[in-house]
Each structure stands twice: as C-alpha cells, then as structure tokens.
Amino acid sequence: MATIIQKVVFKNATTRQLYNLYMDPKLHARISGGPVKISEKVGSRMEAHGGYITGKMLQRVKNKLIVHTWRGSNWSAQDGDSVFVVSFGRKGRDAVLHMTHANVPDEHAGHLDKGWRDHYWKPWKQYLSGKKITRPRM
C-alpha cells in the first residue's frame, strides 16, 4: 500500500474557500466535473464522480480539516478503504493545503497522485483566479 502526500499553495485564498470547494457538493461537482454527494455530518456517506469514488466522513473541523475513507470503484475487493486527510492553513495572504491519502493500493498510487493535481488542485486554482476551469479526461 502507498501513501500520497501533497502540499499546495493557493495564492490570495482563504482556508474557508478551500474547505468549501471540497465540502459544498455543488462547488465540488462544478470543479471536479462529476456528480458529488458529501455532507459535514460525521458518519455520512460520500460519493464523487458519479459514484466512481465512495467513502465515509470520519472527522471534520470547519475550514481546517477533512478526514474520510476513500475507495475507487475499480479497486479489488481485497483492497481496504484508503484514508484521505486534508488540512488547510495560512501562510501570509495565501492558503496552504496539506493532503495525505494513505493506504492506497500500489497499482493506483501513480494515477491518483496525478489525479489530485489535475482534477482538483489545478481546477481549484483556476476557479479561485476567475479563469475557466479546464480538466483532463478521466
């Protein structure tokens, strides 16, 4: 199993904006390009990309932390759920995202590492800067 760790700086952004980009289902869907079901309620189920990704909310601290299980529909039945942890902090006028995606099956780690950057962080930066969101095909 692999662990993906990423740090991303969002210029002139707030932790509230970043938190909402992930936790607001309409914003999340708009930016990621697929249907999303997500709730702040601990224990609630989440789905992204039309059910391609599923999970369960484990913990959250508004504008600071999101923790949930995460599983791709193409994962083997023997693979356990992974754990996705994202925290938001400040550095001057910028917001900083720290992401750890742990317990990822080795065969999926490479494309997920790239996928977080291409399907989330890059479109988030485009959205926050007022640019048109572009994303690669899945």
N, C-alpha and C. Protein backbone atom coordinates (compact mmCIF):
# COMPACT_ATOMS: atom_id res chain seq x y z
N MET A 1 0.84 -1.18 0.00
CA MET A 1 0.00 0.00 0.00
C MET A 1 0.88 1.25 0.00
N ALA A 2 0.37 2.30 -0.63
CA ALA A 2 1.14 3.53 -0.79
C ALA A 2 0.46 4.68 -0.05
N THR A 3 1.25 5.73 0.17
CA THR A 3 0.74 6.96 0.76
C THR A 3 1.13 8.11 -0.17
N ILE A 4 0.15 8.92 -0.51
CA ILE A 4 0.36 10.10 -1.35
C ILE A 4 0.34 11.31 -0.43
N ILE A 5 1.36 12.14 -0.52
CA ILE A 5 1.44 13.36 0.29
C ILE A 5 1.65 14.53 -0.65
N GLN A 6 0.81 15.55 -0.52
CA GLN A 6 0.92 16.74 -1.36
C GLN A 6 0.73 18.00 -0.51
N LYS A 7 1.43 19.04 -0.92
CA LYS A 7 1.28 20.37 -0.32
C LYS A 7 1.06 21.33 -1.48
N VAL A 8 0.00 22.13 -1.39
CA VAL A 8 -0.34 23.05 -2.46
C VAL A 8 -0.63 24.42 -1.86
N VAL A 9 -0.05 25.45 -2.45
CA VAL A 9 -0.27 26.83 -2.01
C VAL A 9 -1.25 27.48 -2.99
N PHE A 10 -2.27 28.12 -2.44
CA PHE A 10 -3.27 28.84 -3.22
C PHE A 10 -3.11 30.32 -2.92
N LYS A 11 -2.65 31.05 -3.90
CA LYS A 11 -2.36 32.49 -3.74
C LYS A 11 -3.63 33.27 -3.44
N ASN A 12 -3.53 34.16 -2.46
CA ASN A 12 -4.62 35.08 -2.10
C ASN A 12 -5.95 34.36 -1.87
N ALA A 13 -5.90 33.20 -1.25
CA ALA A 13 -7.10 32.43 -0.96
C ALA A 13 -7.24 32.27 0.55
N THR A 14 -8.42 31.85 0.98
CA THR A 14 -8.67 31.61 2.40
C THR A 14 -8.90 30.12 2.65
N THR A 15 -8.71 29.72 3.86
CA THR A 15 -8.98 28.33 4.22
C THR A 15 -10.47 28.03 4.06
N ARG A 16 -11.30 29.01 4.31
CA ARG A 16 -12.74 28.84 4.13
C ARG A 16 -13.07 28.51 2.67
N GLN A 17 -12.45 29.23 1.74
CA GLN A 17 -12.69 28.96 0.32
C GLN A 17 -12.30 27.52 -0.03
N LEU A 18 -11.15 27.09 0.42
CA LEU A 18 -10.69 25.74 0.10
C LEU A 18 -11.60 24.68 0.70
N TYR A 19 -11.95 24.87 1.95
CA TYR A 19 -12.86 23.94 2.63
C TYR A 19 -14.18 23.83 1.85
N ASN A 20 -14.72 24.97 1.46
CA ASN A 20 -16.00 24.97 0.73
C ASN A 20 -15.89 24.33 -0.64
N LEU A 21 -14.75 24.48 -1.31
CA LEU A 21 -14.58 23.85 -2.62
C LEU A 21 -14.71 22.33 -2.52
N TYR A 22 -14.33 21.79 -1.39
CA TYR A 22 -14.44 20.34 -1.21
C TYR A 22 -15.78 19.93 -0.59
N MET A 23 -16.23 20.68 0.41
CA MET A 23 -17.39 20.25 1.18
C MET A 23 -18.74 20.71 0.62
N ASP A 24 -18.77 21.71 -0.22
CA ASP A 24 -20.03 22.14 -0.84
C ASP A 24 -20.26 21.25 -2.07
N PRO A 25 -21.28 20.40 -2.06
CA PRO A 25 -21.44 19.45 -3.17
C PRO A 25 -21.60 20.12 -4.54
N LYS A 26 -22.24 21.27 -4.60
CA LYS A 26 -22.42 21.95 -5.89
C LYS A 26 -21.09 22.48 -6.40
N LEU A 27 -20.30 23.11 -5.52
CA LEU A 27 -18.99 23.61 -5.94
C LEU A 27 -18.05 22.45 -6.29
N HIS A 28 -18.06 21.44 -5.46
CA HIS A 28 -17.22 20.26 -5.68
C HIS A 28 -17.52 19.66 -7.05
N ALA A 29 -18.79 19.49 -7.37
CA ALA A 29 -19.19 18.92 -8.65
C ALA A 29 -18.82 19.83 -9.82
N ARG A 30 -19.04 21.12 -9.63
CA ARG A 30 -18.72 22.07 -10.70
C ARG A 30 -17.24 22.02 -11.06
N ILE A 31 -16.41 21.93 -10.05
CA ILE A 31 -14.97 21.97 -10.29
C ILE A 31 -14.42 20.61 -10.70
N SER A 32 -14.91 19.55 -10.11
CA SER A 32 -14.37 18.23 -10.43
C SER A 32 -14.97 17.65 -11.71
N GLY A 33 -16.12 18.17 -12.11
CA GLY A 33 -16.72 17.75 -13.37
C GLY A 33 -17.63 16.55 -13.29
N GLY A 34 -18.00 16.13 -12.08
CA GLY A 34 -18.90 14.99 -11.93
C GLY A 34 -19.77 15.15 -10.71
N PRO A 35 -20.89 14.40 -10.66
CA PRO A 35 -21.80 14.50 -9.53
C PRO A 35 -21.12 14.16 -8.20
N VAL A 36 -21.50 14.89 -7.13
CA VAL A 36 -20.91 14.72 -5.80
C VAL A 36 -22.02 14.70 -4.75
N LYS A 37 -21.89 13.78 -3.80
CA LYS A 37 -22.73 13.75 -2.61
C LYS A 37 -21.77 13.79 -1.43
N ILE A 38 -21.86 14.84 -0.62
CA ILE A 38 -20.96 14.97 0.52
C ILE A 38 -21.66 15.78 1.60
N SER A 39 -21.39 15.46 2.83
CA SER A 39 -22.00 16.13 3.97
C SER A 39 -20.97 16.30 5.07
N GLU A 40 -21.15 17.33 5.88
CA GLU A 40 -20.25 17.55 7.01
C GLU A 40 -20.53 16.60 8.17
N LYS A 41 -21.64 15.89 8.12
CA LYS A 41 -22.02 15.02 9.23
C LYS A 41 -21.09 13.81 9.32
N VAL A 42 -20.44 13.65 10.46
CA VAL A 42 -19.57 12.51 10.69
C VAL A 42 -20.40 11.23 10.57
N GLY A 43 -19.88 10.27 9.83
CA GLY A 43 -20.59 9.01 9.60
C GLY A 43 -21.36 8.99 8.29
N SER A 44 -21.51 10.15 7.66
CA SER A 44 -22.28 10.21 6.41
C SER A 44 -21.46 9.65 5.25
N ARG A 45 -22.16 9.14 4.26
CA ARG A 45 -21.52 8.59 3.06
C ARG A 45 -21.19 9.72 2.10
N MET A 46 -20.13 9.54 1.34
CA MET A 46 -19.80 10.50 0.30
C MET A 46 -19.59 9.74 -1.01
N GLU A 47 -19.89 10.44 -2.11
CA GLU A 47 -19.65 9.92 -3.44
C GLU A 47 -19.15 11.05 -4.30
N ALA A 48 -18.22 10.75 -5.19
CA ALA A 48 -17.73 11.74 -6.14
C ALA A 48 -17.61 11.07 -7.51
N HIS A 49 -17.64 11.90 -8.51
CA HIS A 49 -17.54 11.44 -9.90
C HIS A 49 -18.60 10.37 -10.20
N GLY A 50 -19.84 10.67 -9.77
CA GLY A 50 -20.95 9.78 -10.08
C GLY A 50 -20.87 8.42 -9.45
N GLY A 51 -20.24 8.31 -8.28
CA GLY A 51 -20.12 7.04 -7.57
C GLY A 51 -18.83 6.29 -7.87
N TYR A 52 -17.98 6.83 -8.74
CA TYR A 52 -16.69 6.21 -9.00
C TYR A 52 -15.85 6.17 -7.72
N ILE A 53 -16.02 7.20 -6.88
CA ILE A 53 -15.34 7.28 -5.59
C ILE A 53 -16.40 7.26 -4.50
N THR A 54 -16.19 6.43 -3.48
CA THR A 54 -17.10 6.39 -2.35
C THR A 54 -16.30 6.46 -1.06
N GLY A 55 -16.97 6.84 0.01
CA GLY A 55 -16.30 6.91 1.31
C GLY A 55 -17.27 7.26 2.41
N LYS A 56 -16.71 7.47 3.58
CA LYS A 56 -17.49 7.79 4.77
C LYS A 56 -16.76 8.88 5.53
N MET A 57 -17.48 9.93 5.92
CA MET A 57 -16.89 11.05 6.66
C MET A 57 -16.51 10.57 8.06
N LEU A 58 -15.23 10.74 8.40
CA LEU A 58 -14.74 10.32 9.70
C LEU A 58 -14.59 11.48 10.68
N GLN A 59 -14.13 12.62 10.17
CA GLN A 59 -13.92 13.77 11.04
C GLN A 59 -13.82 15.02 10.18
N ARG A 60 -14.20 16.14 10.76
CA ARG A 60 -14.00 17.41 10.08
C ARG A 60 -14.02 18.53 11.10
N VAL A 61 -13.22 19.54 10.80
CA VAL A 61 -13.19 20.78 11.58
C VAL A 61 -13.36 21.88 10.55
N LYS A 62 -14.47 22.60 10.64
CA LYS A 62 -14.83 23.59 9.62
C LYS A 62 -13.65 24.50 9.29
N ASN A 63 -13.38 24.61 8.00
CA ASN A 63 -12.33 25.46 7.43
C ASN A 63 -10.90 25.02 7.77
N LYS A 64 -10.75 23.86 8.42
CA LYS A 64 -9.41 23.42 8.83
C LYS A 64 -9.06 21.99 8.45
N LEU A 65 -10.01 21.06 8.54
CA LEU A 65 -9.67 19.64 8.41
C LEU A 65 -10.83 18.83 7.85
N ILE A 66 -10.49 17.88 6.95
CA ILE A 66 -11.46 16.92 6.43
C ILE A 66 -10.78 15.55 6.45
N VAL A 67 -11.47 14.56 7.01
CA VAL A 67 -10.95 13.19 7.04
C VAL A 67 -12.08 12.25 6.64
N HIS A 68 -11.86 11.45 5.62
CA HIS A 68 -12.86 10.45 5.25
C HIS A 68 -12.20 9.24 4.62
N THR A 69 -12.92 8.13 4.63
CA THR A 69 -12.44 6.97 3.90
C THR A 69 -12.64 7.26 2.42
N TRP A 70 -11.93 6.52 1.59
CA TRP A 70 -11.93 6.79 0.15
C TRP A 70 -11.67 5.48 -0.56
N ARG A 71 -12.49 5.21 -1.57
CA ARG A 71 -12.34 3.95 -2.31
C ARG A 71 -12.76 4.17 -3.75
N GLY A 72 -11.93 3.68 -4.67
CA GLY A 72 -12.27 3.72 -6.09
C GLY A 72 -13.08 2.50 -6.47
N SER A 73 -14.06 2.68 -7.34
CA SER A 73 -14.92 1.55 -7.72
C SER A 73 -14.15 0.48 -8.50
N ASN A 74 -12.99 0.84 -9.03
CA ASN A 74 -12.18 -0.13 -9.77
C ASN A 74 -11.16 -0.85 -8.88
N TRP A 75 -11.22 -0.66 -7.58
CA TRP A 75 -10.30 -1.33 -6.67
C TRP A 75 -10.73 -2.77 -6.46
N SER A 76 -9.77 -3.61 -6.19
CA SER A 76 -10.03 -5.01 -5.91
C SER A 76 -10.83 -5.16 -4.61
N ALA A 77 -11.64 -6.19 -4.55
CA ALA A 77 -12.42 -6.45 -3.33
C ALA A 77 -11.50 -6.70 -2.13
N GLN A 78 -10.27 -7.16 -2.37
CA GLN A 78 -9.33 -7.41 -1.29
C GLN A 78 -8.69 -6.13 -0.75
N ASP A 79 -8.75 -5.05 -1.53
CA ASP A 79 -8.17 -3.79 -1.09
C ASP A 79 -9.05 -3.15 -0.02
N GLY A 80 -8.46 -2.73 1.08
CA GLY A 80 -9.20 -2.00 2.09
C GLY A 80 -9.46 -0.57 1.63
N ASP A 81 -10.29 0.13 2.35
CA ASP A 81 -10.52 1.54 2.06
C ASP A 81 -9.26 2.33 2.41
N SER A 82 -9.01 3.36 1.65
CA SER A 82 -7.93 4.27 1.98
C SER A 82 -8.48 5.36 2.89
N VAL A 83 -7.58 6.18 3.41
CA VAL A 83 -7.99 7.31 4.26
C VAL A 83 -7.44 8.58 3.63
N PHE A 84 -8.33 9.54 3.43
CA PHE A 84 -8.00 10.83 2.84
C PHE A 84 -8.05 11.87 3.95
N VAL A 85 -6.94 12.61 4.12
CA VAL A 85 -6.85 13.66 5.14
C VAL A 85 -6.38 14.92 4.44
N VAL A 86 -7.14 15.99 4.59
CA VAL A 86 -6.72 17.28 4.04
C VAL A 86 -6.89 18.34 5.13
N SER A 87 -5.83 19.12 5.31
CA SER A 87 -5.91 20.21 6.29
C SER A 87 -5.56 21.51 5.57
N PHE A 88 -6.10 22.59 6.10
CA PHE A 88 -5.93 23.90 5.50
C PHE A 88 -5.31 24.85 6.51
N GLY A 89 -4.31 25.60 6.08
CA GLY A 89 -3.64 26.57 6.94
C GLY A 89 -3.34 27.83 6.16
N ARG A 90 -2.72 28.78 6.84
CA ARG A 90 -2.39 30.07 6.23
C ARG A 90 -0.89 30.27 6.18
N LYS A 91 -0.46 30.99 5.17
CA LYS A 91 0.91 31.46 5.06
C LYS A 91 0.82 32.85 4.45
N GLY A 92 0.85 33.86 5.30
CA GLY A 92 0.66 35.23 4.82
C GLY A 92 -0.73 35.39 4.23
N ARG A 93 -0.79 35.83 2.99
CA ARG A 93 -2.08 36.05 2.31
C ARG A 93 -2.58 34.80 1.59
N ASP A 94 -1.82 33.73 1.67
CA ASP A 94 -2.14 32.52 0.93
C ASP A 94 -2.71 31.43 1.84
N ALA A 95 -3.47 30.52 1.23
CA ALA A 95 -3.95 29.34 1.93
C ALA A 95 -3.09 28.16 1.49
N VAL A 96 -2.77 27.30 2.44
CA VAL A 96 -1.92 26.14 2.16
C VAL A 96 -2.72 24.88 2.47
N LEU A 97 -2.73 23.97 1.51
CA LEU A 97 -3.41 22.70 1.66
C LEU A 97 -2.35 21.62 1.87
N HIS A 98 -2.57 20.80 2.89
CA HIS A 98 -1.72 19.63 3.14
C HIS A 98 -2.62 18.41 3.00
N MET A 99 -2.27 17.52 2.07
CA MET A 99 -3.09 16.36 1.82
C MET A 99 -2.28 15.09 2.00
N THR A 100 -2.87 14.12 2.70
CA THR A 100 -2.31 12.79 2.82
C THR A 100 -3.40 11.80 2.42
N HIS A 101 -3.09 10.97 1.46
CA HIS A 101 -4.03 9.93 1.02
C HIS A 101 -3.31 8.60 1.29
N ALA A 102 -3.70 7.95 2.38
CA ALA A 102 -2.98 6.77 2.87
C ALA A 102 -3.73 5.47 2.56
N ASN A 103 -2.97 4.38 2.54
CA ASN A 103 -3.49 3.04 2.31
C ASN A 103 -4.07 2.90 0.89
N VAL A 104 -3.38 3.51 -0.07
CA VAL A 104 -3.77 3.44 -1.47
C VAL A 104 -3.11 2.21 -2.09
N PRO A 105 -3.88 1.36 -2.78
CA PRO A 105 -3.25 0.21 -3.45
C PRO A 105 -2.14 0.69 -4.38
N ASP A 106 -1.01 0.01 -4.34
CA ASP A 106 0.17 0.43 -5.09
C ASP A 106 -0.13 0.68 -6.57
N GLU A 107 -0.96 -0.18 -7.16
CA GLU A 107 -1.22 -0.05 -8.60
C GLU A 107 -2.04 1.19 -8.96
N HIS A 108 -2.62 1.86 -7.96
CA HIS A 108 -3.42 3.06 -8.22
C HIS A 108 -2.72 4.35 -7.76
N ALA A 109 -1.63 4.23 -7.06
CA ALA A 109 -0.98 5.41 -6.45
C ALA A 109 -0.52 6.43 -7.48
N GLY A 110 0.09 5.99 -8.56
CA GLY A 110 0.62 6.92 -9.55
C GLY A 110 -0.45 7.78 -10.19
N HIS A 111 -1.53 7.15 -10.65
CA HIS A 111 -2.57 7.94 -11.31
C HIS A 111 -3.37 8.77 -10.30
N LEU A 112 -3.48 8.32 -9.06
CA LEU A 112 -4.18 9.13 -8.06
C LEU A 112 -3.34 10.35 -7.67
N ASP A 113 -2.04 10.17 -7.55
CA ASP A 113 -1.17 11.31 -7.25
C ASP A 113 -1.34 12.39 -8.32
N LYS A 114 -1.32 11.99 -9.57
CA LYS A 114 -1.52 12.92 -10.68
C LYS A 114 -2.97 13.42 -10.71
N GLY A 115 -3.90 12.53 -10.42
CA GLY A 115 -5.32 12.90 -10.46
C GLY A 115 -5.69 13.99 -9.48
N TRP A 116 -5.13 13.94 -8.26
CA TRP A 116 -5.41 15.00 -7.29
C TRP A 116 -4.96 16.35 -7.85
N ARG A 117 -3.80 16.36 -8.46
CA ARG A 117 -3.27 17.63 -9.01
C ARG A 117 -4.10 18.11 -10.20
N ASP A 118 -4.41 17.18 -11.12
CA ASP A 118 -5.09 17.56 -12.36
C ASP A 118 -6.59 17.80 -12.20
N HIS A 119 -7.25 17.02 -11.36
CA HIS A 119 -8.71 17.09 -11.24
C HIS A 119 -9.20 17.89 -10.05
N TYR A 120 -8.29 18.26 -9.16
CA TYR A 120 -8.68 19.06 -8.00
C TYR A 120 -7.87 20.34 -7.88
N TRP A 121 -6.60 20.23 -7.56
CA TRP A 121 -5.84 21.43 -7.19
C TRP A 121 -5.70 22.41 -8.37
N LYS A 122 -5.45 21.94 -9.58
CA LYS A 122 -5.35 22.83 -10.74
C LYS A 122 -6.70 23.52 -11.01
N PRO A 123 -7.81 22.78 -11.08
CA PRO A 123 -9.11 23.46 -11.27
C PRO A 123 -9.47 24.40 -10.12
N TRP A 124 -9.07 24.05 -8.89
CA TRP A 124 -9.33 24.95 -7.76
C TRP A 124 -8.62 26.28 -8.01
N LYS A 125 -7.38 26.22 -8.43
CA LYS A 125 -6.63 27.45 -8.69
C LYS A 125 -7.28 28.25 -9.81
N GLN A 126 -7.73 27.57 -10.85
CA GLN A 126 -8.41 28.25 -11.95
C GLN A 126 -9.70 28.92 -11.46
N TYR A 127 -10.48 28.20 -10.69
CA TYR A 127 -11.73 28.73 -10.16
C TYR A 127 -11.48 29.96 -9.28
N LEU A 128 -10.52 29.84 -8.37
CA LEU A 128 -10.24 30.93 -7.44
C LEU A 128 -9.68 32.17 -8.13
N SER A 129 -9.04 31.98 -9.28
CA SER A 129 -8.50 33.13 -10.01
C SER A 129 -9.49 33.68 -11.03
N GLY A 130 -10.67 33.06 -11.12
CA GLY A 130 -11.68 33.55 -12.06
C GLY A 130 -11.51 33.04 -13.48
N LYS A 131 -10.59 32.11 -13.68
CA LYS A 131 -10.36 31.56 -15.01
C LYS A 131 -11.32 30.42 -15.30
N LYS A 132 -11.48 30.11 -16.58
CA LYS A 132 -12.30 28.98 -16.99
C LYS A 132 -11.63 27.69 -16.52
N ILE A 133 -12.42 26.79 -15.98
CA ILE A 133 -11.89 25.52 -15.47
C ILE A 133 -11.67 24.58 -16.64
N THR A 134 -10.45 24.07 -16.73
CA THR A 134 -10.12 23.06 -17.72
C THR A 134 -9.63 21.84 -16.97
N ARG A 135 -10.02 20.67 -17.45
CA ARG A 135 -9.57 19.44 -16.80
C ARG A 135 -9.33 18.37 -17.85
N PRO A 136 -8.38 17.50 -17.56
CA PRO A 136 -8.13 16.40 -18.50
C PRO A 136 -9.27 15.39 -18.43
N ARG A 137 -9.38 14.57 -19.43
CA ARG A 137 -10.38 13.50 -19.42
C ARG A 137 -9.96 12.45 -18.41
N MET A 138 -10.96 11.81 -17.81
CA MET A 138 -10.66 10.74 -16.85
C MET A 138 -10.40 9.43 -17.55
